[in-house]
Amino acid sequence: MIADAPPAVELRGLTKRFGAVLANDGVNLLVQRGSIHGVIGENGAGKSTAMNLLYGMYTPDAGEIFVNGVRREWASPRDAIAGGLGMVHQHFMLAGPCSALDNILLGVEPVRWGIINRKSARSRLDGLATQYGLAVKWDEPVEQLPVGI
C-alpha cells in the first residue's frame, strides 16, 4: 500500500431502497490501494446491491462513493468505466443471441461521427485476443461460444 494515498474505494453510508424493501442501510466500506477484499454474507444481505451502486447500475438513495479520494456520482456503468472502475458480474450478463463483438461493445460503443466504429473495435479486440492467446469468433452469437471464451 502507498503511504498517505487515499483509499482506492470508499463507500460512506450507502442506502438503497426498492419500494418498501431496504436493500442497503448505511453501508460503509474502505478498500485501500493494493488490498484484496471479499464481500460475503447471506443471500439477500445486500452485497450485490452495494456493488451495483459502486458500479453505477443503481443510484444511491443516500450516502457517498469515493474513488481514489474523489467523490463520484455515476449516472451509468459507462461513467464508472470512464472513472476507472470495472465489474465482473456474479452471473453472466450477456445478450445471448448477439455476437461476441456486440456483447463487448454494448454500453461502450466507440463512436466516430455519430456512427459505431466496429472496424476499429474489432481491430483492437483482435490485438488483445492475440496477446492473450484467445481465438474468438467475433461474429458468433455469444450463446454458441464456449464459456471460457
N, C-alpha and C. Protein backbone atom coordinates (compact mmCIF):
# COMPACT_ATOMS: atom_id res chain seq x y z
N MET A 1 0.83 -1.19 0.00
CA MET A 1 0.00 0.00 0.00
C MET A 1 0.87 1.25 0.00
N ILE A 2 0.39 2.29 -0.61
CA ILE A 2 1.13 3.53 -0.72
C ILE A 2 0.78 4.42 0.47
N ALA A 3 1.82 4.85 1.21
CA ALA A 3 1.61 5.70 2.37
C ALA A 3 0.95 7.00 1.94
N ASP A 4 0.01 7.47 2.73
CA ASP A 4 -0.69 8.74 2.52
C ASP A 4 -1.55 8.79 1.27
N ALA A 5 -1.72 7.66 0.58
CA ALA A 5 -2.59 7.63 -0.60
C ALA A 5 -4.03 7.47 -0.12
N PRO A 6 -4.97 8.12 -0.80
CA PRO A 6 -6.37 7.93 -0.41
C PRO A 6 -6.79 6.49 -0.71
N PRO A 7 -7.86 6.02 -0.06
CA PRO A 7 -8.35 4.68 -0.36
C PRO A 7 -8.71 4.56 -1.84
N ALA A 8 -8.54 3.38 -2.40
CA ALA A 8 -8.93 3.15 -3.78
C ALA A 8 -10.43 3.31 -3.92
N VAL A 9 -11.18 2.77 -2.97
CA VAL A 9 -12.65 2.85 -2.97
C VAL A 9 -13.12 3.07 -1.54
N GLU A 10 -14.07 3.95 -1.38
CA GLU A 10 -14.70 4.14 -0.08
C GLU A 10 -16.20 4.37 -0.28
N LEU A 11 -16.99 3.60 0.43
CA LEU A 11 -18.43 3.79 0.48
C LEU A 11 -18.76 4.34 1.85
N ARG A 12 -19.52 5.41 1.90
CA ARG A 12 -19.90 6.03 3.18
C ARG A 12 -21.41 6.12 3.28
N GLY A 13 -21.97 5.35 4.15
CA GLY A 13 -23.40 5.45 4.46
C GLY A 13 -24.33 5.17 3.30
N LEU A 14 -23.95 4.27 2.38
CA LEU A 14 -24.80 4.00 1.23
C LEU A 14 -26.11 3.34 1.64
N THR A 15 -27.18 3.91 1.14
CA THR A 15 -28.52 3.40 1.41
C THR A 15 -29.26 3.28 0.09
N LYS A 16 -29.99 2.17 -0.06
CA LYS A 16 -30.78 1.96 -1.26
C LYS A 16 -32.06 1.21 -0.90
N ARG A 17 -33.17 1.76 -1.38
CA ARG A 17 -34.48 1.14 -1.21
C ARG A 17 -35.06 0.78 -2.57
N PHE A 18 -35.78 -0.32 -2.60
CA PHE A 18 -36.59 -0.70 -3.75
C PHE A 18 -38.01 -0.80 -3.22
N GLY A 19 -38.76 0.29 -3.36
CA GLY A 19 -40.09 0.35 -2.76
C GLY A 19 -39.97 0.25 -1.25
N ALA A 20 -40.66 -0.71 -0.65
CA ALA A 20 -40.64 -0.89 0.80
C ALA A 20 -39.43 -1.70 1.27
N VAL A 21 -38.67 -2.25 0.35
CA VAL A 21 -37.53 -3.10 0.70
C VAL A 21 -36.28 -2.24 0.88
N LEU A 22 -35.70 -2.31 2.05
CA LEU A 22 -34.45 -1.62 2.36
C LEU A 22 -33.30 -2.58 2.03
N ALA A 23 -32.67 -2.39 0.89
CA ALA A 23 -31.62 -3.31 0.42
C ALA A 23 -30.28 -3.02 1.08
N ASN A 24 -29.93 -1.75 1.22
CA ASN A 24 -28.71 -1.32 1.90
C ASN A 24 -29.07 -0.21 2.87
N ASP A 25 -28.52 -0.29 4.08
CA ASP A 25 -28.84 0.69 5.11
C ASP A 25 -27.54 1.21 5.72
N GLY A 26 -27.01 2.28 5.16
CA GLY A 26 -25.81 2.91 5.71
C GLY A 26 -24.55 2.07 5.55
N VAL A 27 -24.34 1.50 4.38
CA VAL A 27 -23.17 0.63 4.14
C VAL A 27 -21.90 1.46 4.07
N ASN A 28 -20.90 1.01 4.82
CA ASN A 28 -19.57 1.61 4.79
C ASN A 28 -18.57 0.54 4.37
N LEU A 29 -17.64 0.93 3.50
CA LEU A 29 -16.60 0.01 3.04
C LEU A 29 -15.38 0.84 2.69
N LEU A 30 -14.22 0.37 3.10
CA LEU A 30 -12.96 1.06 2.81
C LEU A 30 -12.00 0.04 2.20
N VAL A 31 -11.56 0.31 0.99
CA VAL A 31 -10.62 -0.58 0.29
C VAL A 31 -9.36 0.22 -0.01
N GLN A 32 -8.29 -0.15 0.66
CA GLN A 32 -7.01 0.53 0.43
C GLN A 32 -6.38 0.05 -0.87
N ARG A 33 -5.65 0.90 -1.50
CA ARG A 33 -4.94 0.57 -2.75
C ARG A 33 -4.04 -0.64 -2.49
N GLY A 34 -4.09 -1.60 -3.41
CA GLY A 34 -3.24 -2.78 -3.31
C GLY A 34 -3.79 -3.89 -2.44
N SER A 35 -4.95 -3.69 -1.85
CA SER A 35 -5.53 -4.73 -1.00
C SER A 35 -6.60 -5.50 -1.77
N ILE A 36 -6.93 -6.66 -1.26
CA ILE A 36 -7.95 -7.51 -1.85
C ILE A 36 -9.00 -7.78 -0.79
N HIS A 37 -10.26 -7.64 -1.18
CA HIS A 37 -11.36 -7.87 -0.24
C HIS A 37 -12.36 -8.83 -0.83
N GLY A 38 -13.04 -9.54 0.03
CA GLY A 38 -14.18 -10.35 -0.37
C GLY A 38 -15.38 -9.83 0.41
N VAL A 39 -16.50 -9.69 -0.26
CA VAL A 39 -17.73 -9.26 0.41
C VAL A 39 -18.60 -10.50 0.53
N ILE A 40 -18.83 -10.93 1.76
CA ILE A 40 -19.59 -12.15 1.98
C ILE A 40 -20.80 -11.88 2.87
N GLY A 41 -21.77 -12.74 2.76
CA GLY A 41 -22.97 -12.61 3.59
C GLY A 41 -24.07 -13.50 3.04
N GLU A 42 -25.15 -13.56 3.77
CA GLU A 42 -26.28 -14.39 3.37
C GLU A 42 -26.92 -13.87 2.10
N ASN A 43 -27.66 -14.74 1.41
CA ASN A 43 -28.46 -14.31 0.27
C ASN A 43 -29.40 -13.21 0.74
N GLY A 44 -29.50 -12.16 -0.06
CA GLY A 44 -30.40 -11.06 0.29
C GLY A 44 -29.82 -10.06 1.26
N ALA A 45 -28.54 -10.20 1.60
CA ALA A 45 -27.92 -9.29 2.57
C ALA A 45 -27.60 -7.92 1.97
N GLY A 46 -27.59 -7.81 0.63
CA GLY A 46 -27.33 -6.52 0.01
C GLY A 46 -25.96 -6.38 -0.63
N LYS A 47 -25.22 -7.48 -0.73
CA LYS A 47 -23.86 -7.43 -1.32
C LYS A 47 -23.90 -6.97 -2.78
N SER A 48 -24.74 -7.62 -3.57
CA SER A 48 -24.83 -7.26 -4.99
C SER A 48 -25.35 -5.84 -5.17
N THR A 49 -26.30 -5.45 -4.36
CA THR A 49 -26.83 -4.08 -4.44
C THR A 49 -25.72 -3.07 -4.17
N ALA A 50 -24.90 -3.31 -3.15
CA ALA A 50 -23.81 -2.38 -2.84
C ALA A 50 -22.83 -2.29 -4.00
N MET A 51 -22.49 -3.42 -4.60
CA MET A 51 -21.55 -3.41 -5.73
C MET A 51 -22.18 -2.74 -6.95
N ASN A 52 -23.48 -2.95 -7.15
CA ASN A 52 -24.18 -2.29 -8.26
C ASN A 52 -24.26 -0.78 -8.05
N LEU A 53 -24.34 -0.34 -6.81
CA LEU A 53 -24.28 1.10 -6.51
C LEU A 53 -22.90 1.65 -6.85
N LEU A 54 -21.87 0.92 -6.44
CA LEU A 54 -20.50 1.34 -6.73
C LEU A 54 -20.26 1.43 -8.23
N TYR A 55 -20.85 0.53 -8.99
CA TYR A 55 -20.62 0.43 -10.43
C TYR A 55 -21.56 1.29 -11.26
N GLY A 56 -22.51 1.97 -10.64
CA GLY A 56 -23.38 2.87 -11.38
C GLY A 56 -24.61 2.22 -11.98
N MET A 57 -24.87 0.96 -11.64
CA MET A 57 -26.08 0.32 -12.14
C MET A 57 -27.30 0.82 -11.39
N TYR A 58 -27.11 1.21 -10.14
CA TYR A 58 -28.16 1.83 -9.33
C TYR A 58 -27.62 3.15 -8.79
N THR A 59 -28.54 4.04 -8.48
CA THR A 59 -28.18 5.31 -7.84
C THR A 59 -28.51 5.21 -6.36
N PRO A 60 -27.58 5.57 -5.47
CA PRO A 60 -27.88 5.50 -4.04
C PRO A 60 -28.98 6.49 -3.65
N ASP A 61 -29.80 6.08 -2.69
CA ASP A 61 -30.78 7.00 -2.12
C ASP A 61 -30.12 7.94 -1.12
N ALA A 62 -29.03 7.47 -0.52
CA ALA A 62 -28.25 8.29 0.42
C ALA A 62 -26.84 7.73 0.45
N GLY A 63 -25.93 8.55 0.93
CA GLY A 63 -24.54 8.12 1.07
C GLY A 63 -23.66 8.64 -0.04
N GLU A 64 -22.38 8.30 0.07
CA GLU A 64 -21.38 8.81 -0.87
C GLU A 64 -20.44 7.70 -1.32
N ILE A 65 -19.93 7.87 -2.53
CA ILE A 65 -18.94 6.97 -3.12
C ILE A 65 -17.70 7.79 -3.43
N PHE A 66 -16.55 7.29 -2.99
CA PHE A 66 -15.26 7.93 -3.29
C PHE A 66 -14.38 6.93 -4.02
N VAL A 67 -13.74 7.38 -5.08
CA VAL A 67 -12.76 6.58 -5.81
C VAL A 67 -11.48 7.39 -5.85
N ASN A 68 -10.42 6.81 -5.29
CA ASN A 68 -9.12 7.50 -5.19
C ASN A 68 -9.26 8.85 -4.51
N GLY A 69 -10.13 8.91 -3.51
CA GLY A 69 -10.31 10.12 -2.72
C GLY A 69 -11.23 11.16 -3.32
N VAL A 70 -11.78 10.90 -4.49
CA VAL A 70 -12.65 11.86 -5.17
C VAL A 70 -14.10 11.37 -5.07
N ARG A 71 -14.99 12.25 -4.61
CA ARG A 71 -16.41 11.90 -4.53
C ARG A 71 -16.96 11.73 -5.93
N ARG A 72 -17.63 10.61 -6.17
CA ARG A 72 -18.13 10.29 -7.51
C ARG A 72 -19.62 10.02 -7.47
N GLU A 73 -20.30 10.42 -8.52
CA GLU A 73 -21.71 10.10 -8.74
C GLU A 73 -21.82 9.58 -10.16
N TRP A 74 -22.17 8.31 -10.31
CA TRP A 74 -22.26 7.71 -11.63
C TRP A 74 -23.69 7.76 -12.12
N ALA A 75 -23.88 8.14 -13.36
CA ALA A 75 -25.21 8.09 -13.98
C ALA A 75 -25.44 6.72 -14.61
N SER A 76 -24.33 5.98 -14.84
CA SER A 76 -24.43 4.69 -15.50
C SER A 76 -23.12 3.94 -15.33
N PRO A 77 -23.11 2.64 -15.65
CA PRO A 77 -21.83 1.92 -15.63
C PRO A 77 -20.80 2.52 -16.58
N ARG A 78 -21.26 3.12 -17.64
CA ARG A 78 -20.33 3.77 -18.58
C ARG A 78 -19.51 4.84 -17.87
N ASP A 79 -20.15 5.61 -16.99
CA ASP A 79 -19.44 6.62 -16.21
C ASP A 79 -18.42 5.97 -15.28
N ALA A 80 -18.81 4.86 -14.65
CA ALA A 80 -17.91 4.16 -13.74
C ALA A 80 -16.69 3.63 -14.50
N ILE A 81 -16.92 3.08 -15.68
CA ILE A 81 -15.82 2.59 -16.51
C ILE A 81 -14.88 3.74 -16.87
N ALA A 82 -15.45 4.87 -17.27
CA ALA A 82 -14.63 6.04 -17.60
C ALA A 82 -13.86 6.53 -16.38
N GLY A 83 -14.41 6.28 -15.18
CA GLY A 83 -13.75 6.67 -13.94
C GLY A 83 -12.76 5.65 -13.43
N GLY A 84 -12.55 4.58 -14.20
CA GLY A 84 -11.53 3.61 -13.84
C GLY A 84 -12.03 2.37 -13.13
N LEU A 85 -13.35 2.19 -13.01
CA LEU A 85 -13.90 1.01 -12.35
C LEU A 85 -14.39 0.01 -13.38
N GLY A 86 -14.26 -1.25 -13.06
CA GLY A 86 -14.83 -2.33 -13.86
C GLY A 86 -15.53 -3.28 -12.92
N MET A 87 -16.32 -4.16 -13.48
CA MET A 87 -17.04 -5.11 -12.64
C MET A 87 -17.15 -6.45 -13.35
N VAL A 88 -16.85 -7.51 -12.64
CA VAL A 88 -17.09 -8.86 -13.12
C VAL A 88 -18.35 -9.33 -12.40
N HIS A 89 -19.40 -9.54 -13.16
CA HIS A 89 -20.68 -9.89 -12.56
C HIS A 89 -20.70 -11.33 -12.07
N GLN A 90 -21.43 -11.55 -11.00
CA GLN A 90 -21.56 -12.88 -10.41
C GLN A 90 -22.22 -13.84 -11.40
N HIS A 91 -23.20 -13.37 -12.11
CA HIS A 91 -23.91 -14.17 -13.10
C HIS A 91 -23.60 -13.59 -14.47
N PHE A 92 -23.64 -14.44 -15.49
CA PHE A 92 -23.39 -13.94 -16.83
C PHE A 92 -24.39 -12.84 -17.16
N MET A 93 -23.87 -11.75 -17.65
CA MET A 93 -24.71 -10.62 -18.05
C MET A 93 -24.50 -10.41 -19.54
N LEU A 94 -24.86 -11.43 -20.32
CA LEU A 94 -24.63 -11.40 -21.76
C LEU A 94 -25.95 -11.41 -22.51
N ALA A 95 -25.94 -10.82 -23.68
CA ALA A 95 -27.09 -10.87 -24.59
C ALA A 95 -26.85 -12.05 -25.52
N GLY A 96 -27.39 -13.22 -25.14
CA GLY A 96 -27.13 -14.49 -25.79
C GLY A 96 -27.19 -14.50 -27.30
N PRO A 97 -28.25 -14.00 -27.92
CA PRO A 97 -28.32 -14.09 -29.38
C PRO A 97 -27.42 -13.09 -30.11
N CYS A 98 -26.86 -12.12 -29.40
CA CYS A 98 -25.98 -11.13 -30.04
C CYS A 98 -24.57 -11.68 -30.17
N SER A 99 -23.82 -11.12 -31.09
CA SER A 99 -22.45 -11.59 -31.33
C SER A 99 -21.54 -11.26 -30.15
N ALA A 100 -20.39 -11.95 -30.14
CA ALA A 100 -19.38 -11.66 -29.12
C ALA A 100 -18.96 -10.20 -29.20
N LEU A 101 -18.76 -9.71 -30.42
CA LEU A 101 -18.36 -8.31 -30.60
C LEU A 101 -19.42 -7.37 -30.04
N ASP A 102 -20.69 -7.61 -30.35
CA ASP A 102 -21.75 -6.73 -29.86
C ASP A 102 -21.86 -6.76 -28.34
N ASN A 103 -21.63 -7.91 -27.72
CA ASN A 103 -21.67 -8.00 -26.26
C ASN A 103 -20.57 -7.17 -25.62
N ILE A 104 -19.42 -7.14 -26.25
CA ILE A 104 -18.31 -6.34 -25.70
C ILE A 104 -18.56 -4.86 -25.91
N LEU A 105 -19.13 -4.50 -27.05
CA LEU A 105 -19.35 -3.09 -27.36
C LEU A 105 -20.54 -2.49 -26.61
N LEU A 106 -21.46 -3.32 -26.18
CA LEU A 106 -22.69 -2.85 -25.54
C LEU A 106 -22.40 -1.92 -24.37
N GLY A 107 -22.78 -0.67 -24.51
CA GLY A 107 -22.60 0.32 -23.46
C GLY A 107 -21.33 1.15 -23.57
N VAL A 108 -20.37 0.69 -24.35
CA VAL A 108 -19.12 1.44 -24.52
C VAL A 108 -18.75 1.53 -26.00
N GLU A 109 -19.76 1.71 -26.83
CA GLU A 109 -19.58 1.72 -28.27
C GLU A 109 -18.62 2.83 -28.71
N PRO A 110 -17.57 2.48 -29.47
CA PRO A 110 -16.68 3.52 -29.99
C PRO A 110 -17.39 4.24 -31.14
N VAL A 111 -17.61 5.52 -30.97
CA VAL A 111 -18.38 6.27 -31.97
C VAL A 111 -17.47 7.26 -32.69
N ARG A 112 -17.62 7.30 -33.99
CA ARG A 112 -16.90 8.28 -34.81
C ARG A 112 -17.92 8.90 -35.75
N TRP A 113 -18.07 10.20 -35.68
CA TRP A 113 -19.05 10.94 -36.48
C TRP A 113 -20.46 10.40 -36.29
N GLY A 114 -20.78 10.00 -35.07
CA GLY A 114 -22.12 9.51 -34.75
C GLY A 114 -22.40 8.09 -35.18
N ILE A 115 -21.39 7.38 -35.67
CA ILE A 115 -21.56 6.00 -36.13
C ILE A 115 -20.64 5.09 -35.32
N ILE A 116 -21.15 3.93 -34.90
CA ILE A 116 -20.34 2.98 -34.15
C ILE A 116 -19.20 2.49 -35.04
N ASN A 117 -17.98 2.65 -34.56
CA ASN A 117 -16.79 2.27 -35.32
C ASN A 117 -16.43 0.82 -35.01
N ARG A 118 -17.16 -0.11 -35.62
CA ARG A 118 -16.97 -1.54 -35.39
C ARG A 118 -15.60 -2.02 -35.88
N LYS A 119 -15.13 -1.47 -36.98
CA LYS A 119 -13.84 -1.89 -37.54
C LYS A 119 -12.71 -1.60 -36.56
N SER A 120 -12.72 -0.42 -35.98
CA SER A 120 -11.70 -0.04 -35.01
C SER A 120 -11.78 -0.93 -33.77
N ALA A 121 -13.00 -1.16 -33.30
CA ALA A 121 -13.19 -2.01 -32.12
C ALA A 121 -12.69 -3.42 -32.38
N ARG A 122 -13.06 -3.98 -33.53
CA ARG A 122 -12.64 -5.34 -33.87
C ARG A 122 -11.11 -5.43 -33.96
N SER A 123 -10.48 -4.43 -34.53
CA SER A 123 -9.02 -4.43 -34.65
C SER A 123 -8.37 -4.42 -33.26
N ARG A 124 -8.87 -3.59 -32.39
CA ARG A 124 -8.32 -3.52 -31.03
C ARG A 124 -8.54 -4.83 -30.29
N LEU A 125 -9.72 -5.41 -30.43
CA LEU A 125 -10.03 -6.68 -29.77
C LEU A 125 -9.21 -7.83 -30.35
N ASP A 126 -8.98 -7.81 -31.66
CA ASP A 126 -8.12 -8.82 -32.27
C ASP A 126 -6.73 -8.78 -31.64
N GLY A 127 -6.22 -7.58 -31.43
CA GLY A 127 -4.91 -7.43 -30.80
C GLY A 127 -4.88 -7.99 -29.39
N LEU A 128 -5.92 -7.71 -28.61
CA LEU A 128 -5.99 -8.24 -27.25
C LEU A 128 -6.13 -9.76 -27.25
N ALA A 129 -6.97 -10.28 -28.15
CA ALA A 129 -7.16 -11.73 -28.24
C ALA A 129 -5.84 -12.42 -28.59
N THR A 130 -5.10 -11.85 -29.51
CA THR A 130 -3.81 -12.41 -29.90
C THR A 130 -2.84 -12.35 -28.72
N GLN A 131 -2.82 -11.22 -28.04
CA GLN A 131 -1.92 -11.03 -26.89
C GLN A 131 -2.16 -12.08 -25.81
N TYR A 132 -3.43 -12.44 -25.59
CA TYR A 132 -3.77 -13.37 -24.52
C TYR A 132 -4.07 -14.78 -25.03
N GLY A 133 -3.81 -15.04 -26.30
CA GLY A 133 -3.96 -16.38 -26.84
C GLY A 133 -5.40 -16.87 -26.93
N LEU A 134 -6.33 -15.98 -27.22
CA LEU A 134 -7.74 -16.36 -27.36
C LEU A 134 -8.13 -16.36 -28.84
N ALA A 135 -8.77 -17.42 -29.25
CA ALA A 135 -9.28 -17.50 -30.62
C ALA A 135 -10.78 -17.22 -30.56
N VAL A 136 -11.14 -15.96 -30.76
CA VAL A 136 -12.54 -15.54 -30.61
C VAL A 136 -13.16 -15.34 -31.99
N LYS A 137 -14.33 -15.93 -32.18
CA LYS A 137 -15.11 -15.71 -33.40
C LYS A 137 -16.08 -14.56 -33.09
N TRP A 138 -15.68 -13.35 -33.42
CA TRP A 138 -16.41 -12.15 -33.03
C TRP A 138 -17.84 -12.11 -33.55
N ASP A 139 -18.12 -12.74 -34.67
CA ASP A 139 -19.46 -12.68 -35.25
C ASP A 139 -20.39 -13.79 -34.77
N GLU A 140 -19.88 -14.74 -34.00
CA GLU A 140 -20.71 -15.84 -33.47
C GLU A 140 -21.61 -15.31 -32.34
N PRO A 141 -22.85 -15.80 -32.28
CA PRO A 141 -23.67 -15.46 -31.11
C PRO A 141 -22.96 -15.95 -29.85
N VAL A 142 -22.92 -15.12 -28.84
CA VAL A 142 -22.18 -15.43 -27.63
C VAL A 142 -22.70 -16.70 -26.96
N GLU A 143 -23.98 -17.01 -27.13
CA GLU A 143 -24.55 -18.21 -26.52
C GLU A 143 -24.02 -19.48 -27.18
N GLN A 144 -23.37 -19.36 -28.34
CA GLN A 144 -22.81 -20.53 -29.02
C GLN A 144 -21.30 -20.69 -28.77
N LEU A 145 -20.71 -19.77 -28.02
CA LEU A 145 -19.28 -19.85 -27.73
C LEU A 145 -19.04 -20.59 -26.42
N PRO A 146 -17.87 -21.23 -26.28
CA PRO A 146 -17.54 -21.88 -25.01
C PRO A 146 -17.48 -20.83 -23.89
N VAL A 147 -17.78 -21.26 -22.68
CA VAL A 147 -17.80 -20.35 -21.53
C VAL A 147 -16.46 -19.65 -21.35
N GLY A 148 -15.36 -20.34 -21.57
CA GLY A 148 -14.03 -19.75 -21.40
C GLY A 148 -13.75 -18.61 -22.34
N ILE A 149 -14.37 -18.62 -23.48
CA ILE A 149 -14.19 -17.53 -24.45
C ILE A 149 -15.09 -16.38 -24.06
